[in-house]
PDB file of all heavy atoms in Angstrom:
ATOM      1  N   GLY A   1      90.804 133.607 296.317  1.00  0.00           N
ATOM      2  CA  GLY A   1      90.220 133.731 297.642  1.00  0.00           C
ATOM      3  C   GLY A   1      89.148 132.703 297.921  1.00  0.00           C
ATOM      4  O   GLY A   1      88.519 132.724 298.989  1.00  0.00           O
ATOM      5  N   ALA A   2      88.932 131.805 296.977  1.00  0.00           N
ATOM      6  CA  ALA A   2      87.940 130.745 297.182  1.00  0.00           C
ATOM      7  C   ALA A   2      88.402 129.794 298.292  1.00  0.00           C
ATOM      8  O   ALA A   2      89.581 129.734 298.633  1.00  0.00           O
ATOM      9  CB  ALA A   2      87.733 129.974 295.886  1.00  0.00           C
ATOM     10  N   MET A   3      87.477 129.044 298.828  1.00  0.00           N
ATOM     11  CA  MET A   3      87.803 128.090 299.880  1.00  0.00           C
ATOM     12  C   MET A   3      88.759 127.038 299.352  1.00  0.00           C
ATOM     13  O   MET A   3      88.624 126.569 298.234  1.00  0.00           O
ATOM     14  CB  MET A   3      86.527 127.416 300.389  1.00  0.00           C
ATOM     15  CG  MET A   3      85.594 128.335 301.135  1.00  0.00           C
ATOM     16  SD  MET A   3      86.303 128.878 302.701  1.00  0.00           S
ATOM     17  CE  MET A   3      86.227 127.354 303.623  1.00  0.00           C
ATOM     18  N   PRO A   4      89.748 126.646 300.157  1.00  0.00           N
ATOM     19  CA  PRO A   4      90.675 125.601 299.722  1.00  0.00           C
ATOM     20  C   PRO A   4      90.026 124.222 299.731  1.00  0.00           C
ATOM     21  O   PRO A   4      88.958 124.034 300.323  1.00  0.00           O
ATOM     22  CB  PRO A   4      91.806 125.685 300.745  1.00  0.00           C
ATOM     23  CG  PRO A   4      91.157 126.251 301.965  1.00  0.00           C
ATOM     24  CD  PRO A   4      90.111 127.192 301.471  1.00  0.00           C
ATOM     25  N   TYR A   5      90.665 123.282 299.082  1.00  0.00           N
ATOM     26  CA  TYR A   5      90.205 121.902 299.038  1.00  0.00           C
ATOM     27  C   TYR A   5      91.272 120.997 299.669  1.00  0.00           C
ATOM     28  O   TYR A   5      92.459 121.257 299.560  1.00  0.00           O
ATOM     29  CB  TYR A   5      89.963 121.456 297.596  1.00  0.00           C
ATOM     30  CG  TYR A   5      88.650 121.922 297.027  1.00  0.00           C
ATOM     31  CD1 TYR A   5      88.542 123.165 296.423  1.00  0.00           C
ATOM     32  CD2 TYR A   5      87.512 121.126 297.099  1.00  0.00           C
ATOM     33  CE1 TYR A   5      87.341 123.606 295.893  1.00  0.00           C
ATOM     34  CE2 TYR A   5      86.308 121.553 296.571  1.00  0.00           C
ATOM     35  CZ  TYR A   5      86.232 122.796 295.970  1.00  0.00           C
ATOM     36  OH  TYR A   5      85.037 123.223 295.452  1.00  0.00           O
ATOM     37  N   TYR A   6      90.778 119.935 300.299  1.00  0.00           N
ATOM     38  CA  TYR A   6      91.668 118.967 300.943  1.00  0.00           C
ATOM     39  C   TYR A   6      91.247 117.551 300.595  1.00  0.00           C
ATOM     40  O   TYR A   6      90.057 117.271 300.402  1.00  0.00           O
ATOM     41  CB  TYR A   6      91.616 119.113 302.471  1.00  0.00           C
ATOM     42  CG  TYR A   6      92.095 120.434 302.997  1.00  0.00           C
ATOM     43  CD1 TYR A   6      91.209 121.488 303.219  1.00  0.00           C
ATOM     44  CD2 TYR A   6      93.449 120.640 303.274  1.00  0.00           C
ATOM     45  CE1 TYR A   6      91.648 122.709 303.702  1.00  0.00           C
ATOM     46  CE2 TYR A   6      93.893 121.861 303.765  1.00  0.00           C
ATOM     47  CZ  TYR A   6      92.988 122.880 303.969  1.00  0.00           C
ATOM     48  OH  TYR A   6      93.436 124.090 304.452  1.00  0.00           O
ATOM     49  N   ALA A   7      92.233 116.660 300.553  1.00  0.00           N
ATOM     50  CA  ALA A   7      91.916 115.248 300.477  1.00  0.00           C
ATOM     51  C   ALA A   7      91.278 114.816 301.791  1.00  0.00           C
ATOM     52  O   ALA A   7      91.617 115.353 302.858  1.00  0.00           O
ATOM     53  CB  ALA A   7      93.177 114.439 300.218  1.00  0.00           C
ATOM     54  N   ASP A   8      90.385 113.855 301.723  1.00  0.00           N
ATOM     55  CA  ASP A   8      89.703 113.397 302.940  1.00  0.00           C
ATOM     56  C   ASP A   8      90.705 112.897 303.982  1.00  0.00           C
ATOM     57  O   ASP A   8      90.482 113.051 305.190  1.00  0.00           O
ATOM     58  CB  ASP A   8      88.715 112.275 302.598  1.00  0.00           C
ATOM     59  CG  ASP A   8      87.493 112.790 301.865  1.00  0.00           C
ATOM     60  OD1 ASP A   8      87.246 114.008 301.898  1.00  0.00           O
ATOM     61  OD2 ASP A   8      86.801 111.962 301.245  1.00  0.00           O
ATOM     62  N   SER A   9      91.803 112.325 303.530  1.00  0.00           N
ATOM     63  CA  SER A   9      92.779 111.735 304.443  1.00  0.00           C
ATOM     64  C   SER A   9      93.525 112.763 305.284  1.00  0.00           C
ATOM     65  O   SER A   9      94.136 112.400 306.302  1.00  0.00           O
ATOM     66  CB  SER A   9      93.788 110.902 303.661  1.00  0.00           C
ATOM     67  OG  SER A   9      94.460 111.701 302.708  1.00  0.00           O
ATOM     68  N   VAL A  10      93.468 114.039 304.903  1.00  0.00           N
ATOM     69  CA  VAL A  10      94.215 115.061 305.647  1.00  0.00           C
ATOM     70  C   VAL A  10      93.311 116.138 306.242  1.00  0.00           C
ATOM     71  O   VAL A  10      93.804 117.013 306.965  1.00  0.00           O
ATOM     72  CB  VAL A  10      95.285 115.735 304.762  1.00  0.00           C
ATOM     73  CG1 VAL A  10      96.199 114.694 304.132  1.00  0.00           C
ATOM     74  CG2 VAL A  10      94.662 116.622 303.697  1.00  0.00           C
ATOM     75  N   LYS A  11      92.019 116.090 305.964  1.00  0.00           N
ATOM     76  CA  LYS A  11      91.097 117.092 306.498  1.00  0.00           C
ATOM     77  C   LYS A  11      91.153 117.122 308.018  1.00  0.00           C
ATOM     78  O   LYS A  11      91.143 116.087 308.670  1.00  0.00           O
ATOM     79  CB  LYS A  11      89.665 116.787 306.045  1.00  0.00           C
ATOM     80  CG  LYS A  11      89.349 117.233 304.643  1.00  0.00           C
ATOM     81  CD  LYS A  11      87.906 116.914 304.282  1.00  0.00           C
ATOM     82  CE  LYS A  11      87.599 117.324 302.858  1.00  0.00           C
ATOM     83  NZ  LYS A  11      86.216 116.948 302.464  1.00  0.00           N
ATOM     84  N   GLY A  12      91.219 118.332 308.559  1.00  0.00           N
ATOM     85  CA  GLY A  12      91.270 118.488 310.001  1.00  0.00           C
ATOM     86  C   GLY A  12      92.668 118.408 310.579  1.00  0.00           C
ATOM     87  O   GLY A  12      92.876 118.745 311.742  1.00  0.00           O
ATOM     88  N   ARG A  13      93.633 117.966 309.769  1.00  0.00           N
ATOM     89  CA  ARG A  13      95.016 117.857 310.244  1.00  0.00           C
ATOM     90  C   ARG A  13      95.953 118.794 309.484  1.00  0.00           C
ATOM     91  O   ARG A  13      96.917 119.318 310.054  1.00  0.00           O
ATOM     92  CB  ARG A  13      95.521 116.420 310.094  1.00  0.00           C
ATOM     93  CG  ARG A  13      94.722 115.397 310.868  1.00  0.00           C
ATOM     94  CD  ARG A  13      95.393 114.016 310.821  1.00  0.00           C
ATOM     95  NE  ARG A  13      95.500 113.487 309.466  1.00  0.00           N
ATOM     96  CZ  ARG A  13      96.649 113.150 308.898  1.00  0.00           C
ATOM     97  NH1 ARG A  13      97.792 113.308 309.555  1.00  0.00           N
ATOM     98  NH2 ARG A  13      96.657 112.651 307.667  1.00  0.00           N
ATOM     99  N   PHE A  14      95.710 118.983 308.207  1.00  0.00           N
ATOM    100  CA  PHE A  14      96.554 119.825 307.364  1.00  0.00           C
ATOM    101  C   PHE A  14      95.819 121.124 307.046  1.00  0.00           C
ATOM    102  O   PHE A  14      94.594 121.125 306.875  1.00  0.00           O
ATOM    103  CB  PHE A  14      96.885 119.122 306.052  1.00  0.00           C
ATOM    104  CG  PHE A  14      97.803 117.931 306.167  1.00  0.00           C
ATOM    105  CD1 PHE A  14      98.126 117.363 307.397  1.00  0.00           C
ATOM    106  CD2 PHE A  14      98.353 117.370 305.026  1.00  0.00           C
ATOM    107  CE1 PHE A  14      98.964 116.276 307.494  1.00  0.00           C
ATOM    108  CE2 PHE A  14      99.189 116.276 305.095  1.00  0.00           C
ATOM    109  CZ  PHE A  14      99.485 115.726 306.333  1.00  0.00           C
ATOM    110  N   THR A  15      96.581 122.208 306.913  1.00  0.00           N
ATOM    111  CA  THR A  15      96.036 123.499 306.530  1.00  0.00           C
ATOM    112  C   THR A  15      96.904 124.114 305.450  1.00  0.00           C
ATOM    113  O   THR A  15      98.120 124.260 305.645  1.00  0.00           O
ATOM    114  CB  THR A  15      95.955 124.457 307.722  1.00  0.00           C
ATOM    115  OG1 THR A  15      95.164 123.878 308.762  1.00  0.00           O
ATOM    116  CG2 THR A  15      95.330 125.782 307.299  1.00  0.00           C
ATOM    117  N   ILE A  16      96.289 124.469 304.334  1.00  0.00           N
ATOM    118  CA  ILE A  16      97.012 125.139 303.253  1.00  0.00           C
ATOM    119  C   ILE A  16      96.738 126.635 303.350  1.00  0.00           C
ATOM    120  O   ILE A  16      95.614 127.053 303.663  1.00  0.00           O
ATOM    121  CB  ILE A  16      96.614 124.572 301.868  1.00  0.00           C
ATOM    122  CG1 ILE A  16      97.539 125.113 300.781  1.00  0.00           C
ATOM    123  CG2 ILE A  16      95.146 124.844 301.553  1.00  0.00           C
ATOM    124  CD1 ILE A  16      97.369 124.413 299.433  1.00  0.00           C
ATOM    125  N   SER A  17      97.774 127.429 303.097  1.00  0.00           N
ATOM    126  CA  SER A  17      97.621 128.878 303.138  1.00  0.00           C
ATOM    127  C   SER A  17      98.557 129.485 302.108  1.00  0.00           C
ATOM    128  O   SER A  17      99.413 128.800 301.552  1.00  0.00           O
ATOM    129  CB  SER A  17      97.921 129.419 304.532  1.00  0.00           C
ATOM    130  OG  SER A  17      99.255 129.135 304.906  1.00  0.00           O
ATOM    131  N   ARG A  18      98.386 130.777 301.887  1.00  0.00           N
ATOM    132  CA  ARG A  18      99.229 131.444 300.884  1.00  0.00           C
ATOM    133  C   ARG A  18      99.646 132.814 301.378  1.00  0.00           C
ATOM    134  O   ARG A  18      98.977 133.421 302.216  1.00  0.00           O
ATOM    135  CB  ARG A  18      98.461 131.593 299.562  1.00  0.00           C
ATOM    136  CG  ARG A  18      97.315 132.572 299.616  1.00  0.00           C
ATOM    137  CD  ARG A  18      96.546 132.609 298.299  1.00  0.00           C
ATOM    138  NE  ARG A  18      95.668 133.759 298.233  1.00  0.00           N
ATOM    139  CZ  ARG A  18      94.432 133.798 298.703  1.00  0.00           C
ATOM    140  NH1 ARG A  18      93.932 132.724 299.281  1.00  0.00           N
ATOM    141  NH2 ARG A  18      93.705 134.882 298.585  1.00  0.00           N
ATOM    142  N   ASP A  19     100.752 133.296 300.831  1.00  0.00           N
ATOM    143  CA  ASP A  19     101.225 134.660 301.074  1.00  0.00           C
ATOM    144  C   ASP A  19     101.361 135.302 299.707  1.00  0.00           C
ATOM    145  O   ASP A  19     102.310 135.019 298.973  1.00  0.00           O
ATOM    146  CB  ASP A  19     102.556 134.632 301.826  1.00  0.00           C
ATOM    147  CG  ASP A  19     103.023 136.034 302.204  1.00  0.00           C
ATOM    148  OD1 ASP A  19     102.787 136.987 301.440  1.00  0.00           O
ATOM    149  OD2 ASP A  19     103.646 136.155 303.277  1.00  0.00           O
ATOM    150  N   ASN A  20     100.408 136.158 299.367  1.00  0.00           N
ATOM    151  CA  ASN A  20     100.398 136.747 298.028  1.00  0.00           C
ATOM    152  C   ASN A  20     101.671 137.550 297.761  1.00  0.00           C
ATOM    153  O   ASN A  20     102.228 137.502 296.668  1.00  0.00           O
ATOM    154  CB  ASN A  20      99.174 137.646 297.863  1.00  0.00           C
ATOM    155  CG  ASN A  20      97.879 136.855 297.848  1.00  0.00           C
ATOM    156  OD1 ASN A  20      97.843 135.690 298.239  1.00  0.00           O
ATOM    157  ND2 ASN A  20      96.813 137.488 297.416  1.00  0.00           N
ATOM    158  N   GLY A  21     102.114 138.287 298.755  1.00  0.00           N
ATOM    159  CA  GLY A  21     103.279 139.146 298.565  1.00  0.00           C
ATOM    160  C   GLY A  21     104.555 138.372 298.326  1.00  0.00           C
ATOM    161  O   GLY A  21     105.469 138.849 297.655  1.00  0.00           O
ATOM    162  N   LYS A  22     104.627 137.165 298.857  1.00  0.00           N
ATOM    163  CA  LYS A  22     105.818 136.339 298.705  1.00  0.00           C
ATOM    164  C   LYS A  22     105.649 135.273 297.632  1.00  0.00           C
ATOM    165  O   LYS A  22     106.562 134.468 297.417  1.00  0.00           O
ATOM    166  CB  LYS A  22     106.160 135.659 300.033  1.00  0.00           C
ATOM    167  CG  LYS A  22     106.566 136.631 301.130  1.00  0.00           C
ATOM    168  CD  LYS A  22     106.948 135.873 302.398  1.00  0.00           C
ATOM    169  CE  LYS A  22     107.394 136.851 303.487  1.00  0.00           C
ATOM    170  NZ  LYS A  22     107.765 136.140 304.743  1.00  0.00           N
ATOM    171  N   ASN A  23     104.480 135.236 296.985  1.00  0.00           N
ATOM    172  CA  ASN A  23     104.208 134.215 295.962  1.00  0.00           C
ATOM    173  C   ASN A  23     104.510 132.821 296.496  1.00  0.00           C
ATOM    174  O   ASN A  23     105.161 131.993 295.830  1.00  0.00           O
ATOM    175  CB  ASN A  23     105.021 134.492 294.691  1.00  0.00           C
ATOM    176  CG  ASN A  23     104.676 135.831 294.075  1.00  0.00           C
ATOM    177  OD1 ASN A  23     103.514 136.148 293.875  1.00  0.00           O
ATOM    178  ND2 ASN A  23     105.698 136.640 293.823  1.00  0.00           N
ATOM    179  N   THR A  24     104.062 132.576 297.703  1.00  0.00           N
ATOM    180  CA  THR A  24     104.405 131.338 298.412  1.00  0.00           C
ATOM    181  C   THR A  24     103.143 130.666 298.939  1.00  0.00           C
ATOM    182  O   THR A  24     102.221 131.348 299.399  1.00  0.00           O
ATOM    183  CB  THR A  24     105.365 131.644 299.571  1.00  0.00           C
ATOM    184  OG1 THR A  24     106.577 132.186 299.038  1.00  0.00           O
ATOM    185  CG2 THR A  24     105.693 130.388 300.360  1.00  0.00           C
ATOM    186  N   VAL A  25     103.149 129.348 298.882  1.00  0.00           N
ATOM    187  CA  VAL A  25     102.078 128.558 299.468  1.00  0.00           C
ATOM    188  C   VAL A  25     102.677 127.683 300.568  1.00  0.00           C
ATOM    189  O   VAL A  25     103.837 127.256 300.460  1.00  0.00           O
ATOM    190  CB  VAL A  25     101.362 127.697 298.401  1.00  0.00           C
ATOM    191  CG1 VAL A  25     102.295 126.651 297.804  1.00  0.00           C
ATOM    192  CG2 VAL A  25     100.119 127.039 298.968  1.00  0.00           C
ATOM    193  N   TYR A  26     101.911 127.479 301.617  1.00  0.00           N
ATOM    194  CA  TYR A  26     102.374 126.708 302.766  1.00  0.00           C
ATOM    195  C   TYR A  26     101.441 125.522 303.013  1.00  0.00           C
ATOM    196  O   TYR A  26     100.259 125.569 302.670  1.00  0.00           O
ATOM    197  CB  TYR A  26     102.392 127.581 304.024  1.00  0.00           C
ATOM    198  CG  TYR A  26     103.223 128.830 303.887  1.00  0.00           C
ATOM    199  CD1 TYR A  26     102.622 130.044 303.552  1.00  0.00           C
ATOM    200  CD2 TYR A  26     104.600 128.806 304.092  1.00  0.00           C
ATOM    201  CE1 TYR A  26     103.374 131.194 303.427  1.00  0.00           C
ATOM    202  CE2 TYR A  26     105.358 129.959 303.969  1.00  0.00           C
ATOM    203  CZ  TYR A  26     104.737 131.145 303.638  1.00  0.00           C
ATOM    204  OH  TYR A  26     105.495 132.291 303.507  1.00  0.00           O
ATOM    205  N   LEU A  27     101.993 124.495 303.626  1.00  0.00           N
ATOM    206  CA  LEU A  27     101.177 123.375 304.072  1.00  0.00           C
ATOM    207  C   LEU A  27     101.570 123.066 305.513  1.00  0.00           C
ATOM    208  O   LEU A  27     102.666 122.539 305.761  1.00  0.00           O
ATOM    209  CB  LEU A  27     101.377 122.145 303.197  1.00  0.00           C
ATOM    210  CG  LEU A  27     100.442 120.971 303.505  1.00  0.00           C
ATOM    211  CD1 LEU A  27      99.004 121.326 303.144  1.00  0.00           C
ATOM    212  CD2 LEU A  27     100.883 119.699 302.766  1.00  0.00           C
ATOM    213  N   GLN A  28     100.702 123.438 306.446  1.00  0.00           N
ATOM    214  CA  GLN A  28     100.916 123.121 307.849  1.00  0.00           C
ATOM    215  C   GLN A  28     100.343 121.738 308.118  1.00  0.00           C
ATOM    216  O   GLN A  28      99.145 121.507 307.912  1.00  0.00           O
ATOM    217  CB  GLN A  28     100.230 124.153 308.740  1.00  0.00           C
ATOM    218  CG  GLN A  28     100.361 123.874 310.231  1.00  0.00           C
ATOM    219  CD  GLN A  28     101.782 123.978 310.730  1.00  0.00           C
ATOM    220  OE1 GLN A  28     102.511 124.897 310.382  1.00  0.00           O
ATOM    221  NE2 GLN A  28     102.205 123.021 311.560  1.00  0.00           N
ATOM    222  N   MET A  29     101.196 120.836 308.558  1.00  0.00           N
ATOM    223  CA  MET A  29     100.793 119.448 308.773  1.00  0.00           C
ATOM    224  C   MET A  29     100.896 119.119 310.257  1.00  0.00           C
ATOM    225  O   MET A  29     101.989 119.128 310.826  1.00  0.00           O
ATOM    226  CB  MET A  29     101.683 118.505 307.955  1.00  0.00           C
ATOM    227  CG  MET A  29     101.709 118.843 306.472  1.00  0.00           C
ATOM    228  SD  MET A  29     102.655 117.663 305.499  1.00  0.00           S
ATOM    229  CE  MET A  29     104.285 117.952 306.145  1.00  0.00           C
ATOM    230  N   ASN A  30      99.760 118.862 310.869  1.00  0.00           N
ATOM    231  CA  ASN A  30      99.703 118.519 312.292  1.00  0.00           C
ATOM    232  C   ASN A  30      99.220 117.077 312.465  1.00  0.00           C
ATOM    233  O   ASN A  30      98.664 116.491 311.529  1.00  0.00           O
ATOM    234  CB  ASN A  30      98.763 119.466 313.025  1.00  0.00           C
ATOM    235  CG  ASN A  30      99.207 120.906 312.972  1.00  0.00           C
ATOM    236  OD1 ASN A  30     100.404 121.202 312.924  1.00  0.00           O
ATOM    237  ND2 ASN A  30      98.256 121.814 312.967  1.00  0.00           N
ATOM    238  N   SER A  31      99.425 116.555 313.637  1.00  0.00           N
ATOM    239  CA  SER A  31      98.983 115.184 313.962  1.00  0.00           C
ATOM    240  C   SER A  31      99.420 114.197 312.884  1.00  0.00           C
ATOM    241  O   SER A  31      98.630 113.381 312.396  1.00  0.00           O
ATOM    242  CB  SER A  31      97.462 115.136 314.126  1.00  0.00           C
ATOM    243  OG  SER A  31      97.031 116.033 315.130  1.00  0.00           O
ATOM    244  N   LEU A  32     100.672 114.289 312.524  1.00  0.00           N
ATOM    245  CA  LEU A  32     101.179 113.457 311.424  1.00  0.00           C
ATOM    246  C   LEU A  32     101.143 111.976 311.781  1.00  0.00           C
ATOM    247  O   LEU A  32     101.347 111.587 312.943  1.00  0.00           O
ATOM    248  CB  LEU A  32     102.606 113.888 311.069  1.00  0.00           C
ATOM    249  CG  LEU A  32     102.673 115.157 310.229  1.00  0.00           C
ATOM    250  CD1 LEU A  32     104.062 115.777 310.285  1.00  0.00           C
ATOM    251  CD2 LEU A  32     102.277 114.866 308.793  1.00  0.00           C
ATOM    252  N   LYS A  33     100.887 111.172 310.750  1.00  0.00           N
ATOM    253  CA  LYS A  33     100.801 109.721 310.888  1.00  0.00           C
ATOM    254  C   LYS A  33     101.852 109.067 309.995  1.00  0.00           C
ATOM    255  O   LYS A  33     102.269 109.653 308.988  1.00  0.00           O
ATOM    256  CB  LYS A  33      99.414 109.243 310.463  1.00  0.00           C
ATOM    257  CG  LYS A  33      98.258 109.911 311.183  1.00  0.00           C
ATOM    258  CD  LYS A  33      96.925 109.461 310.597  1.00  0.00           C
ATOM    259  CE  LYS A  33      95.759 110.135 311.275  1.00  0.00           C
ATOM    260  NZ  LYS A  33      94.455 109.704 310.700  1.00  0.00           N
ATOM    261  N   PRO A  34     102.257 107.850 310.322  1.00  0.00           N
ATOM    262  CA  PRO A  34     103.225 107.163 309.452  1.00  0.00           C
ATOM    263  C   PRO A  34     102.755 107.075 308.001  1.00  0.00           C
ATOM    264  O   PRO A  34     103.577 107.130 307.079  1.00  0.00           O
ATOM    265  CB  PRO A  34     103.338 105.780 310.093  1.00  0.00           C
ATOM    266  CG  PRO A  34     103.070 106.028 311.541  1.00  0.00           C
ATOM    267  CD  PRO A  34     102.018 107.087 311.567  1.00  0.00           C
ATOM    268  N   GLU A  35     101.453 106.979 307.784  1.00  0.00           N
ATOM    269  CA  GLU A  35     100.937 106.903 306.413  1.00  0.00           C
ATOM    270  C   GLU A  35     101.024 108.214 305.655  1.00  0.00           C
ATOM    271  O   GLU A  35     100.738 108.268 304.459  1.00  0.00           O
ATOM    272  CB  GLU A  35      99.489 106.393 306.397  1.00  0.00           C
ATOM    273  CG  GLU A  35      98.552 107.116 307.345  1.00  0.00           C
ATOM    274  CD  GLU A  35      98.376 106.386 308.658  1.00  0.00           C
ATOM    275  OE1 GLU A  35      99.392 105.916 309.239  1.00  0.00           O
ATOM    276  OE2 GLU A  35      97.217 106.307 309.134  1.00  0.00           O
ATOM    277  N   ASP A  36     101.430 109.289 306.331  1.00  0.00           N
ATOM    278  CA  ASP A  36     101.677 110.551 305.645  1.00  0.00           C
ATOM    279  C   ASP A  36     103.072 110.589 305.025  1.00  0.00           C
ATOM    280  O   ASP A  36     103.405 111.540 304.302  1.00  0.00           O
ATOM    281  CB  ASP A  36     101.543 111.729 306.616  1.00  0.00           C
ATOM    282  CG  ASP A  36     100.121 111.911 307.120  1.00  0.00           C
ATOM    283  OD1 ASP A  36      99.178 111.785 306.315  1.00  0.00           O
ATOM    284  OD2 ASP A  36      99.959 112.183 308.332  1.00  0.00           O
ATOM    285  N   THR A  37     103.884 109.580 305.305  1.00  0.00           N
ATOM    286  CA  THR A  37     105.233 109.527 304.747  1.00  0.00           C
ATOM    287  C   THR A  37     105.170 109.466 303.224  1.00  0.00           C
ATOM    288  O   THR A  37     104.507 108.606 302.647  1.00  0.00           O
ATOM    289  CB  THR A  37     105.967 108.285 305.283  1.00  0.00           C
ATOM    290  OG1 THR A  37     106.161 108.432 306.695  1.00  0.00           O
ATOM    291  CG2 THR A  37     107.328 108.124 304.606  1.00  0.00           C
ATOM    292  N   ALA A  38     105.847 110.417 302.585  1.00  0.00           N
ATOM    293  CA  ALA A  38     105.818 110.513 301.124  1.00  0.00           C
ATOM    294  C   ALA A  38     106.739 111.632 300.670  1.00  0.00           C
ATOM    295  O   ALA A  38     107.214 112.434 301.484  1.00  0.00           O
ATOM    296  CB  ALA A  38     104.396 110.786 300.625  1.00  0.00           C
ATOM    297  N   LEU A  39     106.931 111.675 299.366  1.00  0.00           N
ATOM    298  CA  LEU A  39     107.585 112.819 298.745  1.00  0.00           C
ATOM    299  C   LEU A  39     106.481 113.806 298.378  1.00  0.00           C
ATOM    300  O   LEU A  39     105.553 113.442 297.653  1.00  0.00           O
ATOM    301  CB  LEU A  39     108.360 112.375 297.510  1.00  0.00           C
ATOM    302  CG  LEU A  39     109.316 113.372 296.855  1.00  0.00           C
ATOM    303  CD1 LEU A  39     110.384 113.829 297.844  1.00  0.00           C
ATOM    304  CD2 LEU A  39     109.959 112.755 295.636  1.00  0.00           C
ATOM    305  N   TYR A  40     106.559 115.012 298.918  1.00  0.00           N
ATOM    306  CA  TYR A  40     105.517 116.015 298.721  1.00  0.00           C
ATOM    307  C   TYR A  40     105.931 116.981 297.614  1.00  0.00           C
ATOM    308  O   TYR A  40     107.026 117.557 297.660  1.00  0.00           O
ATOM    309  CB  TYR A  40     105.257 116.774 300.020  1.00  0.00           C
ATOM    310  CG  TYR A  40     104.433 115.986 300.993  1.00  0.00           C
ATOM    311  CD1 TYR A  40     104.957 114.867 301.642  1.00  0.00           C
ATOM    312  CD2 TYR A  40     103.112 116.344 301.270  1.00  0.00           C
ATOM    313  CE1 TYR A  40     104.189 114.119 302.525  1.00  0.00           C
ATOM    314  CE2 TYR A  40     102.335 115.612 302.158  1.00  0.00           C
ATOM    315  CZ  TYR A  40     102.878 114.496 302.774  1.00  0.00           C
ATOM    316  OH  TYR A  40     102.122 113.771 303.648  1.00  0.00           O
ATOM    317  N   TYR A  41     105.038 117.156 296.643  1.00  0.00           N
ATOM    318  CA  TYR A  41     105.302 118.008 295.498  1.00  0.00           C
ATOM    319  C   TYR A  41     104.379 119.222 295.515  1.00  0.00           C
ATOM    320  O   TYR A  41     103.168 119.096 295.724  1.00  0.00           O
ATOM    321  CB  TYR A  41     105.059 117.253 294.192  1.00  0.00           C
ATOM    322  CG  TYR A  41     106.006 116.123 293.931  1.00  0.00           C
ATOM    323  CD1 TYR A  41     105.695 114.822 294.324  1.00  0.00           C
ATOM    324  CD2 TYR A  41     107.215 116.343 293.277  1.00  0.00           C
ATOM    325  CE1 TYR A  41     106.553 113.777 294.077  1.00  0.00           C
ATOM    326  CE2 TYR A  41     108.084 115.298 293.021  1.00  0.00           C
ATOM    327  CZ  TYR A  41     107.743 114.021 293.429  1.00  0.00           C
ATOM    328  OH  TYR A  41     108.610 112.980 293.180  1.00  0.00           O
TER     329      TYR A  41
END
């Protein structure tokens, strides 16, 4: 339940969240830029 951490390059644009019941983590990515192009792990 601690505060999440973000890279400076995505702060204010990306939001990480979790669903404990589904054992799932999400990454909501808004205002995407060409430099966000990558393979996400």
